[in-house]
């Protein structure tokens, strides 16, 4: 009598195991989609906060742009 653990790899998989794998894949895909949605929301809010800070403190924003420009000039590809 053959062992269930040592099945021939050419035999079709157990349908219950397949549905469990599919459910796990769907849950992972849903979790990934939710994570990407939350990350996109966070990045939108971060950009909005930076834009607000730049509007409220124009002198500091200009100085930061100048420092960034100097860093980019000093950096060689």
Protein backbone atom coordinates (compact mmCIF):
# COMPACT_ATOMS: atom_id res chain seq x y z
CA UNK A 1 0.00 0.00 0.00
CA UNK A 2 1.62 3.32 -1.04
CA UNK A 3 2.40 5.99 1.50
CA UNK A 4 0.47 9.26 1.10
CA UNK A 5 3.61 11.23 1.94
CA UNK A 6 5.58 9.59 -0.89
CA UNK A 7 3.24 10.09 -3.80
CA UNK A 8 4.39 10.03 -7.37
CA UNK A 9 5.15 13.64 -8.38
CA UNK A 10 3.22 13.10 -11.61
CA UNK A 11 0.01 12.47 -9.68
CA UNK A 12 -2.32 15.47 -9.52
CA UNK A 13 -2.17 17.37 -6.22
CA UNK A 14 -4.84 17.03 -3.60
CA UNK A 15 -7.66 19.44 -4.55
CA UNK A 16 -8.06 20.56 -0.92
CA UNK A 17 -4.39 21.51 -0.74
CA UNK A 18 -4.73 23.42 -4.01
CA UNK A 19 -7.63 25.48 -2.73
CA UNK A 20 -5.73 26.22 0.49
CA UNK A 21 -2.74 27.36 -1.56
CA UNK A 22 -4.99 29.53 -3.70
CA UNK A 23 -6.55 31.06 -0.60
CA UNK A 24 -3.09 31.79 0.83
CA UNK A 25 -2.04 33.42 -2.45
CA UNK A 26 -5.18 35.55 -2.49
CA UNK A 27 -4.62 36.62 1.11
CA UNK A 28 -1.01 37.52 0.34
CA UNK A 29 -2.10 39.47 -2.73
CA UNK A 30 -4.73 41.30 -0.68
CA UNK A 31 -2.18 42.08 2.02
CA UNK A 32 0.29 43.37 -0.60
CA UNK A 33 -2.38 45.52 -2.21
CA UNK A 34 -3.36 46.94 1.18
CA UNK A 35 0.28 47.65 2.03
CA UNK A 36 0.79 49.43 -1.31
CA UNK A 37 -2.39 51.44 -0.77
CA UNK A 38 -1.28 52.55 2.70
CA UNK A 39 2.21 53.39 1.40
CA UNK A 40 0.79 55.48 -1.46
CA UNK A 41 -1.44 57.34 1.02
CA UNK A 42 1.54 57.99 3.30
CA UNK A 43 3.67 59.30 0.43
CA UNK A 44 0.86 61.59 -0.73
CA UNK A 45 0.51 63.02 2.78
CA UNK A 46 4.28 63.40 3.11
CA UNK A 47 4.53 65.34 -0.15
CA UNK A 48 1.59 67.50 0.91
CA UNK A 49 3.29 68.25 4.25
CA UNK A 50 6.56 69.14 2.50
CA UNK A 51 4.74 71.46 0.10
CA UNK A 52 2.97 73.13 3.02
CA UNK A 53 6.26 73.59 4.88
CA UNK A 54 7.80 75.14 1.77
CA UNK A 55 4.91 77.59 1.46
CA UNK A 56 5.01 78.52 5.14
CA UNK A 57 8.81 78.89 5.34
CA UNK A 58 9.94 80.11 1.90
CA UNK A 59 13.39 81.27 3.06
CA UNK A 60 14.22 77.92 4.64
CA UNK A 61 12.87 76.10 1.58
CA UNK A 62 15.04 78.21 -0.74
CA UNK A 63 18.11 77.56 1.39
CA UNK A 64 17.37 73.82 1.33
CA UNK A 65 17.04 73.92 -2.48
CA UNK A 66 20.36 75.73 -2.74
CA UNK A 67 22.10 73.19 -0.49
CA UNK A 68 20.66 70.35 -2.56
CA UNK A 69 21.84 72.02 -5.76
CA UNK A 70 25.35 72.36 -4.32
CA UNK A 71 25.36 68.70 -3.33
CA UNK A 72 24.27 67.68 -6.81
CA UNK A 73 26.98 69.85 -8.43
CA UNK A 74 29.63 68.23 -6.24
CA UNK A 75 28.41 64.74 -7.05
CA UNK A 76 29.83 63.17 -10.21
CA UNK A 77 28.09 60.32 -12.03
